[in-house]
PDB file of all heavy atoms in Angstrom:
ATOM      1  N   MET A   1     266.050-112.102 253.930  1.00  0.00           N
ATOM      2  CA  MET A   1     265.318-110.900 253.483  1.00  0.00           C
ATOM      3  C   MET A   1     265.336-109.847 254.596  1.00  0.00           C
ATOM      4  O   MET A   1     265.265-110.162 255.776  1.00  0.00           O
ATOM      5  CB  MET A   1     263.880-111.280 253.132  1.00  0.00           C
ATOM      6  CG  MET A   1     263.673-112.314 252.090  1.00  0.00           C
ATOM      7  SD  MET A   1     264.297-111.904 250.465  1.00  0.00           S
ATOM      8  CE  MET A   1     263.318-110.491 250.058  1.00  0.00           C
ATOM      9  N   LEU A   2     265.339-108.606 254.169  1.00  0.00           N
ATOM     10  CA  LEU A   2     265.218-107.471 255.085  1.00  0.00           C
ATOM     11  C   LEU A   2     263.926-106.742 254.769  1.00  0.00           C
ATOM     12  O   LEU A   2     263.667-106.417 253.594  1.00  0.00           O
ATOM     13  CB  LEU A   2     266.388-106.520 254.907  1.00  0.00           C
ATOM     14  CG  LEU A   2     267.816-107.034 255.185  1.00  0.00           C
ATOM     15  CD1 LEU A   2     268.833-105.973 254.910  1.00  0.00           C
ATOM     16  CD2 LEU A   2     267.899-107.532 256.579  1.00  0.00           C
ATOM     17  N   SER A   3     263.146-106.497 255.783  1.00  0.00           N
ATOM     18  CA  SER A   3     261.835-105.780 255.577  1.00  0.00           C
ATOM     19  C   SER A   3     261.803-104.620 256.515  1.00  0.00           C
ATOM     20  O   SER A   3     262.146-104.722 257.681  1.00  0.00           O
ATOM     21  CB  SER A   3     260.708-106.739 255.862  1.00  0.00           C
ATOM     22  OG  SER A   3     259.464-106.083 255.803  1.00  0.00           O
ATOM     23  N   ALA A   4     261.289-103.490 256.024  1.00  0.00           N
ATOM     24  CA  ALA A   4     261.148-102.305 256.806  1.00  0.00           C
ATOM     25  C   ALA A   4     260.069-102.400 257.843  1.00  0.00           C
ATOM     26  O   ALA A   4     259.903-101.558 258.731  1.00  0.00           O
ATOM     27  CB  ALA A   4     260.910-101.052 255.917  1.00  0.00           C
ATOM     28  N   ARG A   5     259.232-103.400 257.780  1.00  0.00           N
ATOM     29  CA  ARG A   5     258.198-103.592 258.701  1.00  0.00           C
ATOM     30  C   ARG A   5     257.887-105.123 258.862  1.00  0.00           C
ATOM     31  O   ARG A   5     258.189-105.881 257.944  1.00  0.00           O
ATOM     32  CB  ARG A   5     256.864-102.941 258.219  1.00  0.00           C
ATOM     33  CG  ARG A   5     256.567-103.255 256.745  1.00  0.00           C
ATOM     34  CD  ARG A   5     255.415-102.426 256.250  1.00  0.00           C
ATOM     35  NE  ARG A   5     255.245-102.841 254.813  1.00  0.00           N
ATOM     36  CZ  ARG A   5     254.112-102.702 254.194  1.00  0.00           C
ATOM     37  NH1 ARG A   5     253.026-102.257 254.827  1.00  0.00           N
ATOM     38  NH2 ARG A   5     253.983-103.028 252.912  1.00  0.00           N
ATOM     39  N   ALA A   6     257.351-105.496 259.956  1.00  0.00           N
ATOM     40  CA  ALA A   6     257.044-106.907 260.185  1.00  0.00           C
ATOM     41  C   ALA A   6     255.709-107.221 259.590  1.00  0.00           C
ATOM     42  O   ALA A   6     254.852-107.887 260.216  1.00  0.00           O
ATOM     43  CB  ALA A   6     257.054-107.162 261.687  1.00  0.00           C
ATOM     44  N   ASP A   7     255.471-106.755 258.390  1.00  0.00           N
ATOM     45  CA  ASP A   7     254.182-106.965 257.726  1.00  0.00           C
ATOM     46  C   ASP A   7     254.094-108.425 257.288  1.00  0.00           C
ATOM     47  O   ASP A   7     255.009-109.006 256.687  1.00  0.00           O
ATOM     48  CB  ASP A   7     254.069-106.044 256.480  1.00  0.00           C
ATOM     49  CG  ASP A   7     252.774-106.153 255.786  1.00  0.00           C
ATOM     50  OD1 ASP A   7     251.826-105.420 256.190  1.00  0.00           O
ATOM     51  OD2 ASP A   7     252.613-106.960 254.866  1.00  0.00           O
ATOM     52  N   ALA A   8     252.957-109.037 257.581  1.00  0.00           N
ATOM     53  CA  ALA A   8     252.759-110.467 257.296  1.00  0.00           C
ATOM     54  C   ALA A   8     252.946-110.781 255.785  1.00  0.00           C
ATOM     55  O   ALA A   8     253.496-111.784 255.394  1.00  0.00           O
ATOM     56  CB  ALA A   8     251.371-110.892 257.738  1.00  0.00           C
ATOM     57  N   ILE A   9     252.479-109.855 254.937  1.00  0.00           N
ATOM     58  CA  ILE A   9     252.579-110.130 253.483  1.00  0.00           C
ATOM     59  C   ILE A   9     254.016-110.066 253.096  1.00  0.00           C
ATOM     60  O   ILE A   9     254.468-111.004 252.358  1.00  0.00           O
ATOM     61  CB  ILE A   9     251.776-109.069 252.732  1.00  0.00           C
ATOM     62  CG1 ILE A   9     250.266-109.232 253.001  1.00  0.00           C
ATOM     63  CG2 ILE A   9     251.998-109.196 251.228  1.00  0.00           C
ATOM     64  CD1 ILE A   9     249.395-108.172 252.337  1.00  0.00           C
ATOM     65  N   ASP A  10     254.784-109.092 253.533  1.00  0.00           N
ATOM     66  CA  ASP A  10     256.212-109.002 253.185  1.00  0.00           C
ATOM     67  C   ASP A  10     256.944-110.291 253.619  1.00  0.00           C
ATOM     68  O   ASP A  10     257.749-110.853 252.896  1.00  0.00           O
ATOM     69  CB  ASP A  10     256.861-107.789 253.828  1.00  0.00           C
ATOM     70  CG  ASP A  10     256.535-106.506 253.125  1.00  0.00           C
ATOM     71  OD1 ASP A  10     255.920-106.574 252.028  1.00  0.00           O
ATOM     72  OD2 ASP A  10     256.863-105.418 253.642  1.00  0.00           O
ATOM     73  N   VAL A  11     256.704-110.652 254.892  1.00  0.00           N
ATOM     74  CA  VAL A  11     257.402-111.751 255.487  1.00  0.00           C
ATOM     75  C   VAL A  11     257.041-113.083 254.726  1.00  0.00           C
ATOM     76  O   VAL A  11     257.967-113.834 254.281  1.00  0.00           O
ATOM     77  CB  VAL A  11     257.038-111.927 256.937  1.00  0.00           C
ATOM     78  CG1 VAL A  11     257.622-113.246 257.512  1.00  0.00           C
ATOM     79  CG2 VAL A  11     257.557-110.802 257.762  1.00  0.00           C
ATOM     80  N   VAL A  12     255.755-113.376 254.520  1.00  0.00           N
ATOM     81  CA  VAL A  12     255.391-114.588 253.888  1.00  0.00           C
ATOM     82  C   VAL A  12     255.819-114.630 252.458  1.00  0.00           C
ATOM     83  O   VAL A  12     256.300-115.698 251.955  1.00  0.00           O
ATOM     84  CB  VAL A  12     253.840-114.792 254.008  1.00  0.00           C
ATOM     85  CG1 VAL A  12     253.389-115.954 253.182  1.00  0.00           C
ATOM     86  CG2 VAL A  12     253.489-114.985 255.483  1.00  0.00           C
ATOM     87  N   LEU A  13     255.669-113.543 251.709  1.00  0.00           N
ATOM     88  CA  LEU A  13     256.123-113.533 250.309  1.00  0.00           C
ATOM     89  C   LEU A  13     257.597-113.820 250.168  1.00  0.00           C
ATOM     90  O   LEU A  13     257.990-114.596 249.294  1.00  0.00           O
ATOM     91  CB  LEU A  13     255.780-112.157 249.632  1.00  0.00           C
ATOM     92  CG  LEU A  13     254.298-111.924 249.306  1.00  0.00           C
ATOM     93  CD1 LEU A  13     254.137-110.489 248.700  1.00  0.00           C
ATOM     94  CD2 LEU A  13     253.767-112.943 248.340  1.00  0.00           C
ATOM     95  N   GLY A  14     258.375-113.211 251.051  1.00  0.00           N
ATOM     96  CA  GLY A  14     259.831-113.474 251.043  1.00  0.00           C
ATOM     97  C   GLY A  14     260.192-114.909 251.314  1.00  0.00           C
ATOM     98  O   GLY A  14     260.979-115.499 250.605  1.00  0.00           O
ATOM     99  N   LEU A  15     259.521-115.472 252.301  1.00  0.00           N
ATOM    100  CA  LEU A  15     259.838-116.872 252.665  1.00  0.00           C
ATOM    101  C   LEU A  15     259.281-117.817 251.598  1.00  0.00           C
ATOM    102  O   LEU A  15     259.927-118.811 251.261  1.00  0.00           O
ATOM    103  CB  LEU A  15     259.178-117.192 254.037  1.00  0.00           C
ATOM    104  CG  LEU A  15     259.715-116.457 255.196  1.00  0.00           C
ATOM    105  CD1 LEU A  15     258.867-116.701 256.436  1.00  0.00           C
ATOM    106  CD2 LEU A  15     261.175-116.869 255.504  1.00  0.00           C
ATOM    107  N   GLU A  16     258.122-117.540 251.022  1.00  0.00           N
ATOM    108  CA  GLU A  16     257.610-118.370 249.974  1.00  0.00           C
ATOM    109  C   GLU A  16     258.458-118.331 248.715  1.00  0.00           C
ATOM    110  O   GLU A  16     258.483-119.264 247.934  1.00  0.00           O
ATOM    111  CB  GLU A  16     256.173-118.004 249.657  1.00  0.00           C
ATOM    112  CG  GLU A  16     255.164-118.410 250.695  1.00  0.00           C
ATOM    113  CD  GLU A  16     253.733-117.983 250.298  1.00  0.00           C
ATOM    114  OE1 GLU A  16     253.575-117.126 249.475  1.00  0.00           O
ATOM    115  OE2 GLU A  16     252.781-118.577 250.930  1.00  0.00           O
ATOM    116  N   ALA A  17     259.135-117.205 248.514  1.00  0.00           N
ATOM    117  CA  ALA A  17     260.021-117.064 247.368  1.00  0.00           C
ATOM    118  C   ALA A  17     261.322-117.898 247.524  1.00  0.00           C
ATOM    119  O   ALA A  17     262.061-118.074 246.557  1.00  0.00           O
ATOM    120  CB  ALA A  17     260.389-115.604 247.163  1.00  0.00           C
ATOM    121  N   GLY A  18     261.536-118.403 248.706  1.00  0.00           N
ATOM    122  CA  GLY A  18     262.692-119.252 248.947  1.00  0.00           C
ATOM    123  C   GLY A  18     263.699-118.728 249.960  1.00  0.00           C
ATOM    124  O   GLY A  18     264.757-119.343 250.137  1.00  0.00           O
ATOM    125  N   ALA A  19     263.388-117.596 250.660  1.00  0.00           N
ATOM    126  CA  ALA A  19     264.322-117.084 251.627  1.00  0.00           C
ATOM    127  C   ALA A  19     264.365-118.001 252.827  1.00  0.00           C
ATOM    128  O   ALA A  19     263.399-118.687 253.172  1.00  0.00           O
ATOM    129  CB  ALA A  19     263.850-115.707 252.100  1.00  0.00           C
ATOM    130  N   ASP A  20     265.568-118.020 253.488  1.00  0.00           N
ATOM    131  CA  ASP A  20     265.760-118.906 254.622  1.00  0.00           C
ATOM    132  C   ASP A  20     265.335-118.241 255.933  1.00  0.00           C
ATOM    133  O   ASP A  20     265.002-118.901 256.883  1.00  0.00           O
ATOM    134  CB  ASP A  20     267.252-119.291 254.694  1.00  0.00           C
ATOM    135  CG  ASP A  20     267.626-120.127 253.493  1.00  0.00           C
ATOM    136  OD1 ASP A  20     267.411-121.375 253.495  1.00  0.00           O
ATOM    137  OD2 ASP A  20     268.179-119.555 252.519  1.00  0.00           O
ATOM    138  N   ASP A  21     265.423-116.945 255.988  1.00  0.00           N
ATOM    139  CA  ASP A  21     265.065-116.193 257.154  1.00  0.00           C
ATOM    140  C   ASP A  21     264.835-114.739 256.795  1.00  0.00           C
ATOM    141  O   ASP A  21     264.992-114.340 255.631  1.00  0.00           O
ATOM    142  CB  ASP A  21     266.225-116.273 258.181  1.00  0.00           C
ATOM    143  CG  ASP A  21     265.839-116.015 259.622  1.00  0.00           C
ATOM    144  OD1 ASP A  21     264.647-115.616 259.870  1.00  0.00           O
ATOM    145  OD2 ASP A  21     266.663-116.207 260.541  1.00  0.00           O
ATOM    146  N   TYR A  22     264.377-113.915 257.770  1.00  0.00           N
ATOM    147  CA  TYR A  22     264.179-112.514 257.481  1.00  0.00           C
ATOM    148  C   TYR A  22     264.505-111.678 258.740  1.00  0.00           C
ATOM    149  O   TYR A  22     264.480-112.239 259.863  1.00  0.00           O
ATOM    150  CB  TYR A  22     262.728-112.221 257.050  1.00  0.00           C
ATOM    151  CG  TYR A  22     261.743-112.085 258.223  1.00  0.00           C
ATOM    152  CD1 TYR A  22     261.401-110.863 258.707  1.00  0.00           C
ATOM    153  CD2 TYR A  22     261.209-113.244 258.756  1.00  0.00           C
ATOM    154  CE1 TYR A  22     260.535-110.768 259.775  1.00  0.00           C
ATOM    155  CE2 TYR A  22     260.305-113.159 259.816  1.00  0.00           C
ATOM    156  CZ  TYR A  22     259.997-111.900 260.346  1.00  0.00           C
ATOM    157  OH  TYR A  22     259.113-111.819 261.385  1.00  0.00           O
ATOM    158  N   VAL A  23     264.904-110.465 258.557  1.00  0.00           N
ATOM    159  CA  VAL A  23     265.180-109.529 259.677  1.00  0.00           C
ATOM    160  C   VAL A  23     264.409-108.234 259.400  1.00  0.00           C
ATOM    161  O   VAL A  23     264.379-107.747 258.261  1.00  0.00           O
ATOM    162  CB  VAL A  23     266.684-109.241 259.746  1.00  0.00           C
ATOM    163  CG1 VAL A  23     266.977-108.201 260.818  1.00  0.00           C
ATOM    164  CG2 VAL A  23     267.493-110.542 259.999  1.00  0.00           C
ATOM    165  N   THR A  24     263.786-107.727 260.446  1.00  0.00           N
ATOM    166  CA  THR A  24     263.000-106.498 260.326  1.00  0.00           C
ATOM    167  C   THR A  24     263.875-105.261 260.587  1.00  0.00           C
ATOM    168  O   THR A  24     264.631-105.240 261.504  1.00  0.00           O
ATOM    169  CB  THR A  24     261.824-106.552 261.309  1.00  0.00           C
ATOM    170  OG1 THR A  24     260.996-107.653 261.065  1.00  0.00           O
ATOM    171  CG2 THR A  24     260.988-105.286 261.149  1.00  0.00           C
ATOM    172  N   LYS A  25     263.730-104.300 259.748  1.00  0.00           N
ATOM    173  CA  LYS A  25     264.447-103.003 259.902  1.00  0.00           C
ATOM    174  C   LYS A  25     263.580-102.045 260.759  1.00  0.00           C
ATOM    175  O   LYS A  25     262.327-102.110 260.629  1.00  0.00           O
ATOM    176  CB  LYS A  25     264.714-102.358 258.548  1.00  0.00           C
ATOM    177  CG  LYS A  25     265.679-103.152 257.678  1.00  0.00           C
ATOM    178  CD  LYS A  25     266.138-102.366 256.479  1.00  0.00           C
ATOM    179  CE  LYS A  25     265.068-101.936 255.564  1.00  0.00           C
ATOM    180  NZ  LYS A  25     265.588-101.212 254.355  1.00  0.00           N
ATOM    181  N   PRO A  26     264.161-101.200 261.556  1.00  0.00           N
ATOM    182  CA  PRO A  26     265.607-101.062 261.789  1.00  0.00           C
ATOM    183  C   PRO A  26     266.118-102.273 262.618  1.00  0.00           C
ATOM    184  O   PRO A  26     265.458-102.703 263.537  1.00  0.00           O
ATOM    185  CB  PRO A  26     265.778 -99.764 262.546  1.00  0.00           C
ATOM    186  CG  PRO A  26     264.431 -99.624 263.276  1.00  0.00           C
ATOM    187  CD  PRO A  26     263.393-100.209 262.343  1.00  0.00           C
ATOM    188  N   PHE A  27     267.314-102.716 262.267  1.00  0.00           N
ATOM    189  CA  PHE A  27     267.839-103.914 262.949  1.00  0.00           C
ATOM    190  C   PHE A  27     269.132-103.572 263.698  1.00  0.00           C
ATOM    191  O   PHE A  27     269.852-102.632 263.389  1.00  0.00           O
ATOM    192  CB  PHE A  27     268.164-104.992 261.911  1.00  0.00           C
ATOM    193  CG  PHE A  27     269.003-104.588 260.738  1.00  0.00           C
ATOM    194  CD1 PHE A  27     270.363-104.444 260.874  1.00  0.00           C
ATOM    195  CD2 PHE A  27     268.377-104.317 259.545  1.00  0.00           C
ATOM    196  CE1 PHE A  27     271.118-104.025 259.762  1.00  0.00           C
ATOM    197  CE2 PHE A  27     269.103-103.941 258.441  1.00  0.00           C
ATOM    198  CZ  PHE A  27     270.490-103.754 258.579  1.00  0.00           C
ATOM    199  N   ASP A  28     269.342-104.359 264.749  1.00  0.00           N
ATOM    200  CA  ASP A  28     270.578-104.223 265.500  1.00  0.00           C
ATOM    201  C   ASP A  28     271.673-105.007 264.735  1.00  0.00           C
ATOM    202  O   ASP A  28     271.443-106.120 264.305  1.00  0.00           O
ATOM    203  CB  ASP A  28     270.383-104.855 266.906  1.00  0.00           C
ATOM    204  CG  ASP A  28     271.604-104.709 267.768  1.00  0.00           C
ATOM    205  OD1 ASP A  28     272.527-105.579 267.639  1.00  0.00           O
ATOM    206  OD2 ASP A  28     271.681-103.784 268.580  1.00  0.00           O
ATOM    207  N   GLY A  29     272.813-104.402 264.602  1.00  0.00           N
ATOM    208  CA  GLY A  29     273.908-105.048 263.872  1.00  0.00           C
ATOM    209  C   GLY A  29     274.298-106.431 264.409  1.00  0.00           C
ATOM    210  O   GLY A  29     274.556-107.329 263.615  1.00  0.00           O
ATOM    211  N   ALA A  30     274.295-106.543 265.740  1.00  0.00           N
ATOM    212  CA  ALA A  30     274.634-107.818 266.306  1.00  0.00           C
ATOM    213  C   ALA A  30     273.579-108.881 265.994  1.00  0.00           C
ATOM    214  O   ALA A  30     273.925-110.052 265.776  1.00  0.00           O
ATOM    215  CB  ALA A  30     274.746-107.689 267.821  1.00  0.00           C
ATOM    216  N   VAL A  31     272.305-108.522 265.938  1.00  0.00           N
ATOM    217  CA  VAL A  31     271.239-109.444 265.561  1.00  0.00           C
ATOM    218  C   VAL A  31     271.419-109.930 264.121  1.00  0.00           C
ATOM    219  O   VAL A  31     271.314-111.102 263.778  1.00  0.00           O
ATOM    220  CB  VAL A  31     269.866-108.807 265.801  1.00  0.00           C
ATOM    221  CG1 VAL A  31     268.797-109.732 265.225  1.00  0.00           C
ATOM    222  CG2 VAL A  31     269.624-108.603 267.258  1.00  0.00           C
ATOM    223  N   LEU A  32     271.657-108.926 263.241  1.00  0.00           N
ATOM    224  CA  LEU A  32     271.862-109.314 261.793  1.00  0.00           C
ATOM    225  C   LEU A  32     273.019-110.265 261.637  1.00  0.00           C
ATOM    226  O   LEU A  32     272.956-111.260 260.924  1.00  0.00           O
ATOM    227  CB  LEU A  32     272.053-108.074 260.988  1.00  0.00           C
ATOM    228  CG  LEU A  32     272.306-108.289 259.504  1.00  0.00           C
ATOM    229  CD1 LEU A  32     271.152-108.972 258.851  1.00  0.00           C
ATOM    230  CD2 LEU A  32     272.683-106.978 258.779  1.00  0.00           C
ATOM    231  N   LEU A  33     274.129-109.945 262.328  1.00  0.00           N
ATOM    232  CA  LEU A  33     275.313-110.807 262.250  1.00  0.00           C
ATOM    233  C   LEU A  33     275.020-112.219 262.754  1.00  0.00           C
ATOM    234  O   LEU A  33     275.421-113.191 262.149  1.00  0.00           O
ATOM    235  CB  LEU A  33     276.472-110.159 263.032  1.00  0.00           C
ATOM    236  CG  LEU A  33     277.787-110.879 263.015  1.00  0.00           C
ATOM    237  CD1 LEU A  33     278.330-110.981 261.573  1.00  0.00           C
ATOM    238  CD2 LEU A  33     278.808-110.194 263.889  1.00  0.00           C
ATOM    239  N   ALA A  34     274.288-112.298 263.867  1.00  0.00           N
ATOM    240  CA  ALA A  34     273.920-113.606 264.443  1.00  0.00           C
ATOM    241  C   ALA A  34     273.075-114.381 263.465  1.00  0.00           C
ATOM    242  O   ALA A  34     273.291-115.617 263.273  1.00  0.00           O
ATOM    243  CB  ALA A  34     273.192-113.445 265.751  1.00  0.00           C
ATOM    244  N   ARG A  35     272.153-113.727 262.764  1.00  0.00           N
ATOM    245  CA  ARG A  35     271.294-114.428 261.829  1.00  0.00           C
ATOM    246  C   ARG A  35     272.089-114.933 260.646  1.00  0.00           C
ATOM    247  O   ARG A  35     271.888-116.005 260.125  1.00  0.00           O
ATOM    248  CB  ARG A  35     270.194-113.485 261.364  1.00  0.00           C
ATOM    249  CG  ARG A  35     269.172-113.090 262.422  1.00  0.00           C
ATOM    250  CD  ARG A  35     268.236-114.199 262.784  1.00  0.00           C
ATOM    251  NE  ARG A  35     267.250-113.758 263.733  1.00  0.00           N
ATOM    252  CZ  ARG A  35     266.109-113.172 263.372  1.00  0.00           C
ATOM    253  NH1 ARG A  35     265.829-112.982 262.107  1.00  0.00           N
ATOM    254  NH2 ARG A  35     265.247-112.774 264.335  1.00  0.00           N
ATOM    255  N   ILE A  36     273.012-114.067 260.137  1.00  0.00           N
ATOM    256  CA  ILE A  36     273.828-114.468 259.035  1.00  0.00           C
ATOM    257  C   ILE A  36     274.694-115.699 259.345  1.00  0.00           C
ATOM    258  O   ILE A  36     274.726-116.700 258.604  1.00  0.00           O
ATOM    259  CB  ILE A  36     274.741-113.320 258.582  1.00  0.00           C
ATOM    260  CG1 ILE A  36     273.941-112.203 257.951  1.00  0.00           C
ATOM    261  CG2 ILE A  36     275.821-113.799 257.605  1.00  0.00           C
ATOM    262  CD1 ILE A  36     274.742-110.954 257.651  1.00  0.00           C
ATOM    263  N   ARG A  37     275.307-115.676 260.546  1.00  0.00           N
ATOM    264  CA  ARG A  37     276.156-116.784 260.966  1.00  0.00           C
ATOM    265  C   ARG A  37     275.304-118.085 261.196  1.00  0.00           C
ATOM    266  O   ARG A  37     275.796-119.181 260.910  1.00  0.00           O
ATOM    267  CB  ARG A  37     276.958-116.410 262.185  1.00  0.00           C
ATOM    268  CG  ARG A  37     278.067-115.422 261.875  1.00  0.00           C
ATOM    269  CD  ARG A  37     278.827-114.984 263.078  1.00  0.00           C
ATOM    270  NE  ARG A  37     280.032-114.233 262.727  1.00  0.00           N
ATOM    271  CZ  ARG A  37     280.698-113.423 263.513  1.00  0.00           C
ATOM    272  NH1 ARG A  37     280.288-113.262 264.775  1.00  0.00           N
ATOM    273  NH2 ARG A  37     281.768-112.835 263.117  1.00  0.00           N
ATOM    274  N   ALA A  38     274.098-117.886 261.709  1.00  0.00           N
ATOM    275  CA  ALA A  38     273.236-119.062 261.957  1.00  0.00           C
ATOM    276  C   ALA A  38     272.859-119.706 260.625  1.00  0.00           C
ATOM    277  O   ALA A  38     272.883-120.943 260.460  1.00  0.00           O
ATOM    278  CB  ALA A  38     272.000-118.674 262.714  1.00  0.00           C
ATOM    279  N   VAL A  39     272.505-118.914 259.628  1.00  0.00           N
ATOM    280  CA  VAL A  39     272.143-119.475 258.303  1.00  0.00           C
ATOM    281  C   VAL A  39     273.370-120.129 257.640  1.00  0.00           C
ATOM    282  O   VAL A  39     273.219-121.225 257.102  1.00  0.00           O
ATOM    283  CB  VAL A  39     271.619-118.335 257.382  1.00  0.00           C
ATOM    284  CG1 VAL A  39     271.500-118.829 255.948  1.00  0.00           C
ATOM    285  CG2 VAL A  39     270.263-117.843 257.873  1.00  0.00           C
ATOM    286  N   LEU A  40     274.558-119.549 257.791  1.00  0.00           N
ATOM    287  CA  LEU A  40     275.714-120.162 257.228  1.00  0.00           C
ATOM    288  C   LEU A  40     276.048-121.497 257.943  1.00  0.00           C
ATOM    289  O   LEU A  40     276.507-122.438 257.243  1.00  0.00           O
ATOM    290  CB  LEU A  40     276.938-119.203 257.335  1.00  0.00           C
ATOM    291  CG  LEU A  40     276.826-117.956 256.378  1.00  0.00           C
ATOM    292  CD1 LEU A  40     277.927-116.983 256.706  1.00  0.00           C
ATOM    293  CD2 LEU A  40     276.940-118.399 254.912  1.00  0.00           C
TER     294      LEU A  40
END
């Protein structure tokens, strides 16, 4: 999940819905890529 803020509600709702991880926007491209590869 991508969230425009590190809001607890956004984060928890996304994870409870079944997401494996989340990244807060604005994000660094290298961080996003690292998270994608880690999940894969």
